[in-house]
């Protein structure tokens, strides 16, 4: 995600995608134990890089608004699995951190877990 005060956000986004792609490749080259690689994104890790194959799974950032984030989360998870073309490597992480802003408690976490299964 380009800096919000950037005078050239479109150009910055292109450069950042290239940079994150190269960084993921570099981290993979260093990983003797083949640790899974992803990126903490502003929305979807797959859309943060030029080549999604450099990642092992898609991390999604889907909102922090308790139950109001549920529809967008379901849509993002659906898009992520569709982009993975049925590959079990796609998954979501980080739906409303539990307890953020005194909301998103265990019932919301459980609902989203079971909805995503």
Protein backbone atom coordinates (compact mmCIF):
# COMPACT_ATOMS: atom_id res chain seq x y z
CA UNK A 1 0.00 0.00 0.00
CA UNK A 2 1.63 3.25 -1.08
CA UNK A 3 2.19 5.94 1.52
CA UNK A 4 -1.06 7.86 1.84
CA UNK A 5 0.60 11.22 1.15
CA UNK A 6 2.49 9.95 -1.90
CA UNK A 7 2.34 12.24 -4.92
CA UNK A 8 2.55 9.20 -7.24
CA UNK A 9 0.67 6.30 -5.57
CA UNK A 10 0.16 4.33 -8.79
CA UNK A 11 3.88 4.34 -9.59
CA UNK A 12 4.71 3.54 -5.97
CA UNK A 13 2.32 0.56 -6.02
CA UNK A 14 4.04 -0.89 -9.11
CA UNK A 15 7.48 -0.47 -7.53
CA UNK A 16 6.29 -1.99 -4.27
CA UNK A 17 4.86 -5.05 -6.03
CA UNK A 18 8.19 -5.62 -7.75
CA UNK A 19 10.04 -5.12 -4.49
CA UNK A 20 7.82 -7.48 -2.47
CA UNK A 21 8.15 -10.11 -5.19
CA UNK A 22 11.95 -9.91 -5.11
CA UNK A 23 11.97 -9.93 -1.31
CA UNK A 24 9.81 -13.07 -1.16
CA UNK A 25 12.15 -14.80 -3.63
CA UNK A 26 15.15 -13.76 -1.54
CA UNK A 27 13.61 -14.97 1.72
CA UNK A 28 12.80 -18.30 0.07
CA UNK A 29 16.42 -18.64 -1.07
CA UNK A 30 17.55 -18.22 2.55
CA UNK A 31 15.03 -20.63 4.09
CA UNK A 32 16.89 -23.88 4.73
CA UNK A 33 13.79 -25.35 6.39
CA UNK A 34 11.34 -24.28 3.65
CA UNK A 35 9.29 -22.16 6.03
CA UNK A 36 5.95 -21.01 4.59
CA UNK A 37 6.09 -17.52 3.12
CA UNK A 38 3.38 -14.89 2.92
CA UNK A 39 3.06 -11.12 3.30
CA UNK A 40 0.98 -9.15 5.78
CA UNK A 41 -1.03 -7.12 3.27
CA UNK A 42 -3.41 -4.21 3.24
CA UNK A 43 -5.98 -6.56 1.65
CA UNK A 44 -4.63 -9.74 -0.03
CA UNK A 45 -1.03 -11.00 -0.08
CA UNK A 46 -1.53 -12.41 -3.59
CA UNK A 47 -2.31 -8.95 -4.94
CA UNK A 48 0.74 -7.49 -3.18
CA UNK A 49 3.22 -9.31 -5.45
CA UNK A 50 3.71 -9.64 -9.21
CA UNK A 51 3.81 -13.45 -9.05
CA UNK A 52 1.62 -15.15 -6.42
CA UNK A 53 3.74 -18.31 -6.79
CA UNK A 54 6.40 -16.67 -4.59
CA UNK A 55 3.99 -17.08 -1.65
CA UNK A 56 2.85 -20.28 0.01
CA UNK A 57 -0.52 -18.96 1.14
CA UNK A 58 -2.67 -15.88 0.82
CA UNK A 59 -2.94 -13.80 3.96
CA UNK A 60 -5.99 -11.57 4.01
CA UNK A 61 -6.57 -8.39 5.96
CA UNK A 62 -10.33 -8.14 6.06
CA UNK A 63 -11.28 -5.43 8.51
CA UNK A 64 -11.55 -4.64 12.19
CA UNK A 65 -15.24 -3.79 12.50
CA UNK A 66 -16.61 -6.79 14.37
CA UNK A 67 -19.76 -8.18 12.70
CA UNK A 68 -19.77 -5.40 10.10
CA UNK A 69 -16.62 -6.97 8.59
CA UNK A 70 -18.27 -10.35 8.02
CA UNK A 71 -19.69 -9.74 4.48
CA UNK A 72 -16.41 -8.32 3.19
CA UNK A 73 -14.47 -11.15 4.81
CA UNK A 74 -16.65 -13.82 3.20
CA UNK A 75 -16.21 -12.11 -0.20
CA UNK A 76 -12.42 -11.86 0.26
CA UNK A 77 -12.11 -15.52 1.29
CA UNK A 78 -14.21 -16.56 -1.71
CA UNK A 79 -11.99 -14.51 -4.07
CA UNK A 80 -8.84 -15.91 -2.46
CA UNK A 81 -9.91 -19.54 -2.91
CA UNK A 82 -11.03 -18.85 -6.47
CA UNK A 83 -7.66 -17.24 -7.24
CA UNK A 84 -5.92 -20.33 -5.86
CA UNK A 85 -7.87 -22.42 -8.40
CA UNK A 86 -8.77 -25.00 -5.79
CA UNK A 87 -5.24 -25.12 -4.38
CA UNK A 88 -5.40 -25.91 -0.68
CA UNK A 89 -2.59 -23.38 -0.18
CA UNK A 90 -5.01 -20.48 -0.03
CA UNK A 91 -6.24 -19.45 3.39
CA UNK A 92 -7.25 -16.40 5.35
CA UNK A 93 -5.79 -14.93 8.47
CA UNK A 94 -6.49 -11.92 10.60
CA UNK A 95 -10.23 -11.39 10.62
CA UNK A 96 -10.81 -8.73 13.24
CA UNK A 97 -8.13 -9.41 15.81
CA UNK A 98 -9.95 -10.86 18.78
CA UNK A 99 -10.72 -8.09 21.23
CA UNK A 100 -9.68 -5.22 18.95
CA UNK A 101 -11.48 -2.04 19.95
CA UNK A 102 -13.29 -4.08 22.64
CA UNK A 103 -15.13 -6.08 19.96
CA UNK A 104 -14.70 -9.15 17.75
CA UNK A 105 -14.86 -11.52 20.66
CA UNK A 106 -14.88 -15.31 20.61
CA UNK A 107 -18.33 -15.69 19.05
CA UNK A 108 -17.28 -13.65 16.00
CA UNK A 109 -13.98 -15.55 15.73
CA UNK A 110 -15.75 -18.92 15.90
CA UNK A 111 -18.37 -17.85 13.39
CA UNK A 112 -15.73 -16.77 10.88
CA UNK A 113 -13.67 -19.92 11.43
CA UNK A 114 -16.64 -22.19 10.73
CA UNK A 115 -17.86 -19.99 7.84
CA UNK A 116 -14.45 -20.26 6.17
CA UNK A 117 -14.28 -24.05 6.47
